Amino acid sequence: MSRVSPALTIVIKLGTSSICDEETSLPLLSNLSLMVETIVKLRNLGHRVILVTSGAIGVGLRRLNMNKKPKKLAAIQAVAAVGQGRLMRMYDDLFSQLNQPIAQILLTRHDLSDEIKFGDNDTLSAVTAGMVNADYLFLMTDVDCLYTDNPRTNPNAKPVEIVEDVGALRDRVSSPGSTLGTGGMFTKLIAADLATAAGVTTIISRGSNPQNILSIIDYLSSASKDLLPSSPPLHTRFLAKDNPMVDRKWWILHGLHTAGTIHIDEGAMRAITKVGLKSSLFAAGIVKVEGTFVAHQAVNLTIERVRKDGKGEMETVVVGKGLVNYSSTEIFRIKGCKSFEIEERLGYADSECVIHRDNLVITIKNVEDS
């Protein structure tokens, strides 16, 4: 039995393969019932729980007597629209049996950032976890964990249990996946990268055994692992960053729609990225503006530079992302000018800089060596 631990905020993402049978699209009621029971137990322990659920397409396919998911986006959306109501009714019926009220919040990528690749709900759950400052994000799928190779075809495949660097892992992991869902293990790595950057420990675990969540949390919350009778169930755990991004900057980078692009020169790039300086972006360093946006929207900052492969070709490098103090039209008029000239060109000056350093997130790495 789980011991009492400090109240946690837990986001659980349940994939389609854990909700619907891959061949028949029939709901896997045993899985759903176990998940509901697990969530209610977590709630009774004092934890806060958010369930990010897939399954609308799978349930819709069954309702429409379709054998496989259509290829056209409009048809997929129609199937999901049919399935969404029935899926929520199923959840409401199950939670009602345990006297647990639930509420539904619909989020799409248009509520958040077009920059994030929403292959399925994996990345959406990661952004949600970052938004609510979650302690844990559980990505429930059809395998126990990541493996070094496909365990269904290679008996020597080894489980990957703890991950510190998501980027270094991408080329050496494997996992069999179902054909019903829209995501895959790659989208789970993206989700893990996003969530851990926000300070959220991310865990991949088997969706058909949701009760494992209780054991894993119990194990991780224990002050002394030696007091536990055994190791936790097999899972892959992505460690949260020790120095996560400040909430506001994480939200600017991952949670806001990118409305346009500002191209800057080498001097501006050095000023905003140099360690110990981290200057604001001023109009003098702006070369070009792309897109139509207004003040306080988020834009990418890029620079045109010669590639390092020795071929002499130019490339566009994204330097960062920030919230602008002026519209695209205004920035077009003041680009290249000094701060004291802004009022002369616009007739007013709302700010001496185009993007303040507190609203600027640097994404380029190895700046000093670039």
Protein backbone atom coordinates (compact mmCIF):
# COMPACT_ATOMS: atom_id res chain seq x y z
CA MET A 1 0.00 0.00 0.00
CA SER A 2 1.25 3.48 -0.87
CA ARG A 3 2.40 5.62 2.02
CA VAL A 4 1.31 9.20 2.48
CA SER A 5 3.63 11.54 0.55
CA PRO A 6 3.59 15.29 -0.05
CA ALA A 7 0.83 16.45 -2.37
CA LEU A 8 2.01 16.32 -5.96
CA THR A 9 0.72 17.63 -9.27
CA ILE A 10 0.63 14.73 -11.72
CA VAL A 11 -0.19 14.84 -15.44
CA ILE A 12 -1.07 11.50 -17.04
CA LYS A 13 -1.22 11.07 -20.80
CA LEU A 14 -3.10 7.97 -21.95
CA GLY A 15 -2.47 6.90 -25.54
CA THR A 16 -4.98 5.49 -28.01
CA SER A 17 -3.40 2.04 -27.88
CA SER A 18 -4.25 1.90 -24.18
CA ILE A 19 -7.85 2.96 -24.77
CA CYS A 20 -8.97 1.10 -27.91
CA ASP A 21 -8.18 -2.29 -29.37
CA GLU A 22 -5.87 -1.85 -32.35
CA GLU A 23 -7.84 -4.15 -34.67
CA THR A 24 -11.47 -3.75 -33.58
CA SER A 25 -11.36 -0.21 -32.08
CA LEU A 26 -13.45 -1.57 -29.19
CA PRO A 27 -12.80 0.30 -25.94
CA LEU A 28 -10.44 -1.48 -23.55
CA LEU A 29 -12.74 -1.10 -20.56
CA SER A 30 -10.41 -3.01 -18.23
CA ASN A 31 -7.59 -0.52 -18.95
CA LEU A 32 -9.87 2.47 -18.55
CA SER A 33 -11.34 1.13 -15.31
CA LEU A 34 -7.88 0.58 -13.86
CA MET A 35 -6.81 4.07 -14.91
CA VAL A 36 -9.90 5.59 -13.29
CA GLU A 37 -9.29 3.63 -10.10
CA THR A 38 -5.65 4.73 -10.06
CA ILE A 39 -6.55 8.40 -10.50
CA VAL A 40 -9.12 8.23 -7.72
CA LYS A 41 -6.53 6.60 -5.42
CA LEU A 42 -4.08 9.37 -6.27
CA ARG A 43 -6.74 11.94 -5.46
CA ASN A 44 -7.49 10.22 -2.14
CA LEU A 45 -3.79 10.49 -1.30
CA GLY A 46 -4.06 14.24 -1.76
CA HIS A 47 -2.45 14.52 -5.20
CA ARG A 48 -3.70 16.78 -7.99
CA VAL A 49 -4.25 14.88 -11.25
CA ILE A 50 -4.76 15.94 -14.87
CA LEU A 51 -5.55 13.28 -17.48
CA VAL A 52 -4.61 14.10 -21.07
CA THR A 53 -6.41 11.50 -23.13
CA SER A 54 -6.23 10.32 -26.69
CA GLY A 55 -8.80 7.91 -28.08
CA ALA A 56 -11.37 10.11 -29.78
CA ILE A 57 -10.40 8.83 -33.22
CA GLY A 58 -10.40 5.19 -32.09
CA VAL A 59 -13.82 5.52 -30.47
CA GLY A 60 -15.12 7.38 -33.54
CA LEU A 61 -13.93 4.63 -35.87
CA ARG A 62 -15.93 2.09 -33.91
CA ARG A 63 -19.03 4.28 -33.86
CA LEU A 64 -18.87 4.77 -37.62
CA ASN A 65 -18.04 1.09 -38.30
CA MET A 66 -14.81 2.04 -40.05
CA ASN A 67 -11.96 -0.47 -40.19
CA LYS A 68 -9.07 1.97 -40.35
CA LYS A 69 -8.23 5.60 -39.84
CA PRO A 70 -8.76 7.76 -42.95
CA LYS A 71 -5.83 9.61 -44.49
CA LYS A 72 -7.39 13.01 -45.19
CA LEU A 73 -7.20 15.50 -42.34
CA ALA A 74 -10.81 16.61 -42.68
CA ALA A 75 -12.02 13.02 -42.44
CA ILE A 76 -9.82 12.38 -39.38
CA GLN A 77 -11.26 15.47 -37.71
CA ALA A 78 -14.78 14.30 -38.45
CA VAL A 79 -14.09 10.88 -36.94
CA ALA A 80 -12.58 12.50 -33.85
CA ALA A 81 -15.61 14.76 -33.50
CA VAL A 82 -17.88 11.70 -33.47
CA GLY A 83 -15.73 9.90 -30.94
CA GLN A 84 -15.02 12.76 -28.53
CA GLY A 85 -18.47 12.90 -26.96
CA ARG A 86 -18.68 9.13 -26.54
CA LEU A 87 -15.18 9.02 -25.03
CA MET A 88 -16.05 11.64 -22.42
CA ARG A 89 -19.30 9.86 -21.61
CA MET A 90 -17.31 6.70 -20.99
CA TYR A 91 -14.96 8.50 -18.62
CA ASP A 92 -17.84 10.20 -16.81
CA ASP A 93 -19.63 6.87 -16.31
CA LEU A 94 -16.50 5.23 -14.89
CA PHE A 95 -15.55 8.10 -12.57
CA SER A 96 -19.15 8.40 -11.39
CA GLN A 97 -19.00 4.82 -10.14
CA LEU A 98 -16.35 6.02 -7.66
CA ASN A 99 -18.14 9.28 -6.90
CA GLN A 100 -15.40 11.39 -8.50
CA PRO A 101 -16.59 14.51 -10.37
CA ILE A 102 -14.59 15.35 -13.49
CA ALA A 103 -14.29 18.35 -15.80
CA GLN A 104 -13.20 18.54 -19.42
CA ILE A 105 -10.89 21.14 -20.92
CA LEU A 106 -10.27 21.10 -24.65
CA LEU A 107 -6.84 22.28 -25.80
CA THR A 108 -5.54 22.31 -29.35
CA ARG A 109 -2.25 23.49 -30.77
CA HIS A 110 -3.93 26.78 -31.73
CA ASP A 111 -4.39 27.48 -28.03
CA LEU A 112 -0.66 27.06 -27.60
CA SER A 113 2.28 27.13 -30.00
CA ASP A 114 2.39 26.29 -33.70
CA GLU A 115 6.12 25.76 -33.23
CA ILE A 116 5.53 22.50 -31.36
CA LYS A 117 5.03 19.40 -33.46
CA PHE A 118 1.74 17.93 -32.27
CA GLY A 119 2.12 14.39 -33.62
CA ASP A 120 -0.46 13.38 -31.03
CA ASN A 121 -1.19 14.40 -27.46
CA ASP A 122 2.31 13.67 -26.13
CA THR A 123 3.67 17.16 -26.65
CA LEU A 124 0.35 18.66 -25.62
CA SER A 125 0.61 16.83 -22.30
CA ALA A 126 4.17 18.12 -21.86
CA VAL A 127 3.10 21.72 -22.38
CA THR A 128 0.20 21.17 -19.98
CA ALA A 129 2.63 19.77 -17.40
CA GLY A 130 4.82 22.83 -17.79
CA MET A 131 1.85 25.19 -17.52
CA VAL A 132 0.71 23.74 -14.19
CA ASN A 133 4.23 23.25 -12.77
CA ALA A 134 3.66 19.51 -12.49
CA ASP A 135 5.95 17.28 -10.48
CA TYR A 136 5.49 14.28 -12.79
CA LEU A 137 4.36 13.62 -16.33
CA PHE A 138 3.42 10.00 -17.06
CA LEU A 139 3.31 9.02 -20.74
CA MET A 140 1.31 5.79 -20.72
CA THR A 141 1.90 3.68 -23.82
CA ASP A 142 1.86 0.07 -25.06
CA VAL A 143 5.35 -0.82 -23.74
CA ASP A 144 6.94 -0.75 -20.30
CA CYS A 145 9.78 1.55 -21.31
CA LEU A 146 12.24 2.52 -24.02
CA TYR A 147 14.66 -0.12 -25.28
CA THR A 148 18.01 -0.04 -27.04
CA ASP A 149 16.37 -2.07 -29.84
CA ASN A 150 12.99 -3.58 -30.64
CA PRO A 151 12.45 -6.21 -27.90
CA ARG A 152 9.93 -8.06 -30.07
CA THR A 153 12.60 -8.90 -32.63
CA ASN A 154 15.84 -8.62 -30.66
CA PRO A 155 16.06 -10.65 -27.43
CA ASN A 156 19.23 -8.75 -26.52
CA ALA A 157 17.44 -5.40 -26.41
CA LYS A 158 18.02 -3.70 -23.07
CA PRO A 159 15.63 -1.37 -21.24
CA VAL A 160 16.57 2.28 -20.87
CA GLU A 161 15.61 3.09 -17.30
CA ILE A 162 17.05 6.55 -16.56
CA VAL A 163 17.72 9.35 -19.06
CA GLU A 164 19.61 12.54 -18.30
CA ASP A 165 20.09 13.82 -21.87
CA VAL A 166 17.14 13.37 -24.22
CA GLY A 167 19.07 14.61 -27.24
CA ALA A 168 21.80 11.99 -26.85
CA LEU A 169 19.17 9.26 -26.63
CA ARG A 170 17.21 9.85 -29.82
CA ASP A 171 19.42 7.87 -32.18
CA ARG A 172 19.80 4.79 -30.02
CA VAL A 173 16.33 3.87 -28.74
CA SER A 174 13.58 1.75 -30.17
CA SER A 175 10.07 0.76 -29.35
CA PRO A 176 7.36 -1.20 -31.12
CA GLY A 177 4.24 0.86 -31.53
CA SER A 178 0.63 0.43 -32.47
CA THR A 179 -0.81 1.63 -35.76
CA LEU A 180 -3.97 3.13 -34.28
CA GLY A 181 -2.47 6.16 -32.55
CA THR A 182 -1.05 9.23 -34.25
CA GLY A 183 2.12 9.49 -32.21
CA GLY A 184 5.17 7.33 -31.71
CA MET A 185 8.21 7.11 -29.51
CA PHE A 186 9.78 10.11 -31.23
CA THR A 187 6.94 12.37 -30.09
CA LYS A 188 7.41 11.02 -26.56
CA LEU A 189 11.05 12.09 -26.68
CA ILE A 190 9.95 15.55 -27.79
CA ALA A 191 7.48 15.61 -24.92
CA ALA A 192 10.14 14.49 -22.46
CA ASP A 193 12.51 17.17 -23.72
CA LEU A 194 9.88 19.88 -23.24
CA ALA A 195 8.72 18.69 -19.85
CA THR A 196 12.15 18.14 -18.31
CA ALA A 197 13.21 21.59 -19.51
CA ALA A 198 10.37 22.94 -17.38
CA GLY A 199 11.51 20.92 -14.37
CA VAL A 200 8.99 18.08 -14.75
CA THR A 201 10.20 14.51 -14.23
CA THR A 202 8.81 12.50 -17.15
CA ILE A 203 8.06 8.79 -17.09
CA ILE A 204 7.16 6.30 -19.82
CA SER A 205 5.15 3.37 -18.50
CA ARG A 206 2.74 0.70 -19.74
CA GLY A 207 -0.81 1.98 -20.15
CA SER A 208 -2.43 -1.39 -19.43
CA ASN A 209 -0.91 -1.30 -15.93
CA PRO A 210 -1.82 2.19 -14.70
CA GLN A 211 -1.58 1.03 -11.08
CA ASN A 212 2.19 1.11 -11.63
CA ILE A 213 1.93 4.88 -11.31
CA LEU A 214 1.22 4.44 -7.59
CA SER A 215 4.23 2.18 -7.10
CA ILE A 216 6.57 4.44 -9.07
CA ILE A 217 5.51 7.57 -7.18
CA ASP A 218 5.77 5.69 -3.90
CA TYR A 219 9.31 4.63 -4.78
CA LEU A 220 10.43 8.07 -5.99
CA SER A 221 8.88 9.83 -2.99
CA SER A 222 10.61 7.58 -0.48
CA ALA A 223 13.36 9.29 1.49
CA SER A 224 15.21 5.99 1.71
CA LYS A 225 14.92 3.47 -1.11
CA ASP A 226 16.39 0.82 1.20
CA LEU A 227 13.16 0.76 3.18
CA LEU A 228 11.15 -0.37 0.16
CA PRO A 229 10.62 -4.10 -0.37
CA SER A 230 11.53 -4.04 -4.07
CA SER A 231 12.37 -1.87 -7.06
CA PRO A 232 9.54 -0.07 -8.85
CA PRO A 233 7.91 -1.53 -11.97
CA LEU A 234 9.94 -1.25 -15.16
CA HIS A 235 9.75 2.23 -16.66
CA THR A 236 11.87 4.91 -18.35
CA ARG A 237 12.45 8.00 -16.25
CA PHE A 238 13.64 11.29 -17.77
CA LEU A 239 15.24 13.40 -15.06
CA ALA A 240 14.03 16.97 -14.68
CA LYS A 241 16.63 19.64 -15.35
CA ASP A 242 18.39 20.94 -12.23
CA ASN A 243 18.12 24.47 -13.58
CA PRO A 244 14.78 24.57 -15.41
CA MET A 245 13.84 27.62 -17.41
CA VAL A 246 12.06 30.35 -15.52
CA ASP A 247 8.34 29.80 -16.02
CA ARG A 248 7.83 32.94 -18.04
CA LYS A 249 10.64 32.18 -20.49
CA TRP A 250 9.57 28.53 -20.85
CA TRP A 251 6.11 29.75 -21.72
CA ILE A 252 7.47 32.24 -24.26
CA LEU A 253 9.51 29.52 -25.91
CA HIS A 254 7.04 26.64 -25.90
CA GLY A 255 3.62 28.02 -25.09
CA LEU A 256 3.18 31.01 -27.38
CA HIS A 257 2.38 31.07 -31.07
CA THR A 258 5.28 32.39 -33.15
CA ALA A 259 3.78 35.28 -35.10
CA GLY A 260 6.76 36.33 -37.21
CA THR A 261 10.52 36.56 -37.61
CA ILE A 262 13.07 39.29 -36.98
CA HIS A 263 16.44 38.92 -38.73
CA ILE A 264 19.32 40.47 -36.79
CA ASP A 265 22.97 41.23 -37.54
CA GLU A 266 26.09 39.69 -36.03
CA GLY A 267 26.56 42.50 -33.53
CA ALA A 268 23.06 42.14 -32.14
CA MET A 269 23.46 38.38 -31.92
CA ARG A 270 26.63 38.77 -29.88
CA ALA A 271 25.03 41.35 -27.59
CA ILE A 272 21.94 39.30 -26.73
CA THR A 273 23.77 35.99 -26.32
CA LYS A 274 27.09 36.88 -24.69
CA VAL A 275 27.46 35.36 -21.25
CA GLY A 276 27.41 38.06 -18.58
CA LEU A 277 25.83 40.63 -20.90
CA LYS A 278 22.55 39.28 -22.29
CA SER A 279 21.47 42.62 -23.70
CA SER A 280 18.00 43.53 -24.88
CA LEU A 281 17.41 43.64 -28.64
CA PHE A 282 17.59 47.14 -30.05
CA ALA A 283 16.39 48.43 -33.40
CA ALA A 284 19.94 49.14 -34.55
CA GLY A 285 20.69 45.44 -34.84
CA ILE A 286 17.61 44.52 -36.89
CA VAL A 287 18.11 43.77 -40.58
CA LYS A 288 14.72 42.49 -41.77
CA VAL A 289 11.20 41.72 -40.56
CA GLU A 290 8.95 38.90 -41.77
CA GLY A 291 5.29 38.27 -40.97
CA THR A 292 2.52 40.47 -39.63
CA PHE A 293 2.29 40.84 -35.87
CA VAL A 294 1.45 43.34 -33.16
CA ALA A 295 3.16 44.42 -29.96
CA HIS A 296 3.49 41.77 -27.24
CA GLN A 297 3.33 38.85 -29.65
CA ALA A 298 6.15 36.28 -29.83
CA VAL A 299 8.61 36.18 -32.75
CA ASN A 300 11.70 34.20 -33.69
CA LEU A 301 15.08 35.90 -33.95
CA THR A 302 17.32 34.65 -36.74
CA ILE A 303 20.66 35.48 -38.31
CA GLU A 304 22.02 34.81 -41.80
CA ARG A 305 25.54 33.44 -41.68
CA VAL A 306 28.05 31.33 -43.59
CA ARG A 307 27.77 27.60 -43.00
CA LYS A 308 30.63 25.95 -41.10
CA ASP A 309 31.07 23.14 -43.61
CA GLY A 310 33.54 25.23 -45.61
CA LYS A 311 31.37 25.45 -48.74
CA GLY A 312 30.71 29.15 -48.30
CA GLU A 313 26.92 28.78 -48.46
CA MET A 314 24.62 30.86 -46.27
CA GLU A 315 22.19 29.45 -43.72
CA THR A 316 19.49 30.86 -41.47
CA VAL A 317 20.05 30.15 -37.77
CA VAL A 318 17.39 30.65 -35.11
CA VAL A 319 18.98 32.57 -32.24
CA GLY A 320 16.02 32.90 -29.89
CA LYS A 321 12.43 33.91 -29.35
CA GLY A 322 10.90 36.89 -27.59
CA LEU A 323 7.99 39.23 -27.03
CA VAL A 324 8.14 42.41 -29.11
CA ASN A 325 7.38 45.92 -27.89
CA TYR A 326 6.42 47.11 -31.37
CA SER A 327 4.36 45.81 -34.30
CA SER A 328 5.91 44.43 -37.48
CA THR A 329 5.03 47.64 -39.32
CA GLU A 330 6.69 49.77 -36.66
CA ILE A 331 9.78 47.59 -36.53
CA PHE A 332 10.11 47.82 -40.32
CA ARG A 333 10.22 51.61 -39.98
CA ILE A 334 12.73 51.70 -37.13
CA LYS A 335 15.05 48.82 -38.09
CA GLY A 336 18.68 49.88 -38.15
CA CYS A 337 18.15 53.12 -36.26
CA LYS A 338 19.40 54.21 -32.85
CA SER A 339 17.04 54.21 -29.87
CA PHE A 340 16.88 58.01 -29.72
CA GLU A 341 15.70 58.05 -33.35
CA ILE A 342 12.60 55.91 -32.71
CA GLU A 343 10.41 58.82 -31.67
CA GLU A 344 11.51 60.80 -34.73
CA ARG A 345 10.53 57.96 -37.08
CA LEU A 346 7.29 56.88 -35.38
CA GLY A 347 6.18 60.07 -33.65
CA TYR A 348 6.34 58.27 -30.29
CA ALA A 349 8.57 55.79 -28.43
CA ASP A 350 6.91 53.13 -26.30
CA SER A 351 10.24 51.55 -25.44
CA GLU A 352 13.92 52.08 -26.19
CA CYS A 353 14.30 48.41 -27.15
CA VAL A 354 12.37 46.12 -29.48
CA ILE A 355 12.58 43.09 -27.17
CA HIS A 356 13.54 43.46 -23.51
CA ARG A 357 16.00 40.88 -22.23
CA ASP A 358 13.47 39.68 -19.61
CA ASN A 359 11.17 38.71 -22.48
CA LEU A 360 13.90 37.08 -24.57
CA VAL A 361 14.85 33.39 -24.63
CA ILE A 362 18.14 32.39 -26.27
CA THR A 363 18.01 29.02 -28.04
CA ILE A 364 21.31 28.92 -29.96
CA LYS A 365 24.08 26.93 -28.26
CA ASN A 366 27.84 27.36 -28.13
CA VAL A 367 27.53 31.06 -28.90
CA GLU A 368 31.08 31.92 -27.89
CA ASP A 369 32.41 29.37 -30.37
CA SER A 370 30.01 30.15 -33.19
